[in-house]
Amino acid sequence: MSDVIDFLERMGQDAQLRYASQDTIGTALADTQIEPQQCSAVLTSDPERLRTLLGDGPLFATLMMPGAIES
C-alpha cells in the first residue's frame, strides 16, 4: 500500500507530474511496484476504487468549533 501512497505524494509535490498526461503518468507508474489495479485507479482518477483496493472503509470527519453553538 505504501508504494501507491508514495506515488500520490510524489504527484502532489511535482507540478509536472500532477498535471501530466495519462501517458506520462502511465510511464511513471510503470517504474513502480504498484499493483496493476491500483495503477488503473490512479490513471482513471478514481479515488473510490483506489480506496476500496487499499482496503479502507468509509471516511468520516467532524469539525467542532468552540462557541459556534449558543446555549
N, C-alpha and C. Protein backbone atom coordinates (compact mmCIF):
# COMPACT_ATOMS: atom_id res chain seq x y z
N MET A 1 0.82 -1.19 0.00
CA MET A 1 0.00 0.00 0.00
C MET A 1 0.86 1.25 0.00
N SER A 2 1.99 1.22 0.68
CA SER A 2 2.78 2.44 0.79
C SER A 2 3.34 2.89 -0.56
N ASP A 3 3.51 1.96 -1.51
CA ASP A 3 4.02 2.36 -2.82
C ASP A 3 3.06 3.32 -3.53
N VAL A 4 1.79 3.02 -3.50
CA VAL A 4 0.82 3.89 -4.16
C VAL A 4 0.68 5.21 -3.41
N ILE A 5 0.75 5.17 -2.09
CA ILE A 5 0.69 6.40 -1.29
C ILE A 5 1.91 7.26 -1.60
N ASP A 6 3.08 6.63 -1.67
CA ASP A 6 4.31 7.37 -2.02
C ASP A 6 4.19 8.00 -3.40
N PHE A 7 3.60 7.28 -4.35
CA PHE A 7 3.45 7.82 -5.70
C PHE A 7 2.49 9.01 -5.70
N LEU A 8 1.37 8.90 -4.99
CA LEU A 8 0.42 10.00 -4.93
C LEU A 8 1.04 11.23 -4.26
N GLU A 9 1.85 10.99 -3.24
CA GLU A 9 2.57 12.09 -2.59
C GLU A 9 3.52 12.75 -3.58
N ARG A 10 4.22 11.94 -4.34
CA ARG A 10 5.14 12.46 -5.37
C ARG A 10 4.39 13.29 -6.40
N MET A 11 3.21 12.81 -6.82
CA MET A 11 2.39 13.57 -7.77
C MET A 11 1.99 14.93 -7.20
N GLY A 12 1.64 14.94 -5.93
CA GLY A 12 1.22 16.17 -5.28
C GLY A 12 2.35 17.18 -5.15
N GLN A 13 3.58 16.71 -5.06
CA GLN A 13 4.73 17.59 -4.89
C GLN A 13 5.35 18.02 -6.21
N ASP A 14 5.10 17.30 -7.28
CA ASP A 14 5.73 17.56 -8.56
C ASP A 14 4.67 18.09 -9.54
N ALA A 15 4.68 19.40 -9.79
CA ALA A 15 3.67 20.01 -10.64
C ALA A 15 3.67 19.42 -12.05
N GLN A 16 4.83 19.06 -12.56
CA GLN A 16 4.88 18.48 -13.91
C GLN A 16 4.18 17.13 -13.94
N LEU A 17 4.33 16.36 -12.89
CA LEU A 17 3.66 15.06 -12.83
C LEU A 17 2.18 15.22 -12.50
N ARG A 18 1.88 16.17 -11.65
CA ARG A 18 0.49 16.40 -11.24
C ARG A 18 -0.41 16.75 -12.42
N TYR A 19 0.11 17.54 -13.33
CA TYR A 19 -0.69 17.98 -14.48
C TYR A 19 -0.27 17.28 -15.77
N ALA A 20 0.40 16.15 -15.64
CA ALA A 20 0.90 15.41 -16.80
C ALA A 20 -0.23 14.66 -17.50
N SER A 21 0.05 14.27 -18.73
CA SER A 21 -0.91 13.46 -19.50
C SER A 21 -0.98 12.06 -18.90
N GLN A 22 -2.01 11.32 -19.28
CA GLN A 22 -2.13 9.94 -18.79
C GLN A 22 -0.96 9.09 -19.26
N ASP A 23 -0.46 9.36 -20.45
CA ASP A 23 0.70 8.61 -20.96
C ASP A 23 1.91 8.82 -20.06
N THR A 24 2.16 10.06 -19.67
CA THR A 24 3.30 10.37 -18.82
C THR A 24 3.13 9.74 -17.44
N ILE A 25 1.93 9.83 -16.90
CA ILE A 25 1.66 9.21 -15.60
C ILE A 25 1.79 7.70 -15.70
N GLY A 26 1.29 7.13 -16.79
CA GLY A 26 1.41 5.69 -17.01
C GLY A 26 2.86 5.24 -17.06
N THR A 27 3.70 6.04 -17.71
CA THR A 27 5.14 5.73 -17.78
C THR A 27 5.75 5.79 -16.38
N ALA A 28 5.38 6.81 -15.62
CA ALA A 28 5.90 6.93 -14.25
C ALA A 28 5.43 5.77 -13.38
N LEU A 29 4.18 5.35 -13.56
CA LEU A 29 3.65 4.22 -12.79
C LEU A 29 4.35 2.91 -13.17
N ALA A 30 4.75 2.78 -14.43
CA ALA A 30 5.41 1.56 -14.89
C ALA A 30 6.75 1.35 -14.18
N ASP A 31 7.33 2.42 -13.69
CA ASP A 31 8.61 2.33 -13.00
C ASP A 31 8.45 2.02 -11.51
N THR A 32 7.23 1.74 -11.06
CA THR A 32 6.97 1.47 -9.65
C THR A 32 6.61 0.01 -9.43
N GLN A 33 6.41 -0.34 -8.18
CA GLN A 33 5.99 -1.69 -7.80
C GLN A 33 4.50 -1.72 -7.46
N ILE A 34 3.75 -0.73 -7.95
CA ILE A 34 2.33 -0.62 -7.65
C ILE A 34 1.55 -1.67 -8.45
N GLU A 35 0.56 -2.27 -7.81
CA GLU A 35 -0.26 -3.30 -8.44
C GLU A 35 -1.02 -2.71 -9.64
N PRO A 36 -1.23 -3.52 -10.68
CA PRO A 36 -1.90 -3.03 -11.90
C PRO A 36 -3.28 -2.42 -11.65
N GLN A 37 -4.08 -3.01 -10.76
CA GLN A 37 -5.41 -2.46 -10.48
C GLN A 37 -5.31 -1.08 -9.83
N GLN A 38 -4.32 -0.91 -8.96
CA GLN A 38 -4.12 0.38 -8.32
C GLN A 38 -3.64 1.41 -9.35
N CYS A 39 -2.75 0.99 -10.25
CA CYS A 39 -2.28 1.87 -11.32
C CYS A 39 -3.46 2.34 -12.16
N SER A 40 -4.36 1.42 -12.47
CA SER A 40 -5.53 1.76 -13.27
C SER A 40 -6.40 2.79 -12.56
N ALA A 41 -6.59 2.62 -11.26
CA ALA A 41 -7.40 3.56 -10.49
C ALA A 41 -6.75 4.95 -10.46
N VAL A 42 -5.43 5.00 -10.37
CA VAL A 42 -4.72 6.27 -10.40
C VAL A 42 -4.88 6.91 -11.78
N LEU A 43 -4.69 6.13 -12.82
CA LEU A 43 -4.78 6.66 -14.19
C LEU A 43 -6.17 7.17 -14.54
N THR A 44 -7.20 6.55 -13.99
CA THR A 44 -8.56 6.97 -14.29
C THR A 44 -9.11 7.97 -13.27
N SER A 45 -8.24 8.39 -12.36
CA SER A 45 -8.63 9.36 -11.31
C SER A 45 -9.88 8.88 -10.58
N ASP A 46 -9.82 7.65 -10.08
CA ASP A 46 -10.96 7.03 -9.40
C ASP A 46 -10.62 6.80 -7.92
N PRO A 47 -10.83 7.83 -7.08
CA PRO A 47 -10.45 7.69 -5.67
C PRO A 47 -11.25 6.63 -4.92
N GLU A 48 -12.52 6.45 -5.26
CA GLU A 48 -13.33 5.44 -4.58
C GLU A 48 -12.78 4.04 -4.83
N ARG A 49 -12.45 3.77 -6.08
CA ARG A 49 -11.90 2.45 -6.43
C ARG A 49 -10.55 2.24 -5.75
N LEU A 50 -9.72 3.27 -5.75
CA LEU A 50 -8.41 3.16 -5.11
C LEU A 50 -8.57 2.93 -3.61
N ARG A 51 -9.49 3.64 -3.00
CA ARG A 51 -9.74 3.47 -1.56
C ARG A 51 -10.19 2.03 -1.28
N THR A 52 -11.04 1.49 -2.13
CA THR A 52 -11.51 0.10 -1.97
C THR A 52 -10.35 -0.87 -2.14
N LEU A 53 -9.51 -0.64 -3.15
CA LEU A 53 -8.37 -1.52 -3.39
C LEU A 53 -7.37 -1.49 -2.23
N LEU A 54 -7.27 -0.35 -1.57
CA LEU A 54 -6.35 -0.22 -0.44
C LEU A 54 -6.95 -0.78 0.84
N GLY A 55 -8.24 -1.13 0.80
CA GLY A 55 -8.87 -1.77 1.95
C GLY A 55 -9.39 -0.81 2.99
N ASP A 56 -9.50 0.46 2.64
CA ASP A 56 -10.02 1.43 3.59
C ASP A 56 -11.54 1.44 3.53
N GLY A 57 -12.14 1.65 4.67
CA GLY A 57 -13.58 1.77 4.74
C GLY A 57 -13.99 3.22 4.54
N PRO A 58 -15.24 3.50 4.81
CA PRO A 58 -15.73 4.88 4.66
C PRO A 58 -14.96 5.83 5.56
N LEU A 59 -14.84 7.05 5.11
CA LEU A 59 -14.12 8.08 5.86
C LEU A 59 -15.11 9.11 6.34
N PHE A 60 -15.09 9.38 7.64
CA PHE A 60 -15.97 10.38 8.22
C PHE A 60 -15.11 11.38 8.98
N ALA A 61 -15.55 12.62 8.99
CA ALA A 61 -14.83 13.65 9.72
C ALA A 61 -15.85 14.54 10.42
N THR A 62 -15.44 15.08 11.55
CA THR A 62 -16.27 16.01 12.30
C THR A 62 -15.46 17.25 12.60
N LEU A 63 -16.07 18.39 12.39
CA LEU A 63 -15.41 19.66 12.69
C LEU A 63 -16.18 20.32 13.81
N MET A 64 -15.49 20.58 14.90
CA MET A 64 -16.13 21.22 16.04
C MET A 64 -15.49 22.58 16.26
N MET A 65 -16.33 23.58 16.36
CA MET A 65 -15.82 24.95 16.54
C MET A 65 -16.36 25.48 17.86
N PRO A 66 -15.46 25.76 18.80
CA PRO A 66 -15.93 26.31 20.09
C PRO A 66 -16.68 27.62 19.88
N GLY A 67 -17.79 27.77 20.58
CA GLY A 67 -18.56 28.99 20.51
C GLY A 67 -19.48 29.09 19.30
N ALA A 68 -19.50 28.08 18.44
CA ALA A 68 -20.33 28.13 17.26
C ALA A 68 -21.81 27.93 17.58
N ILE A 69 -22.08 27.23 18.67
CA ILE A 69 -23.47 26.96 19.08
C ILE A 69 -23.71 27.68 20.40
N GLU A 70 -24.73 28.50 20.40
CA GLU A 70 -25.07 29.21 21.64
C GLU A 70 -26.08 28.41 22.41
N SER A 71 -25.95 28.42 23.74
CA SER A 71 -26.88 27.68 24.60
C SER A 71 -28.15 28.44 24.82
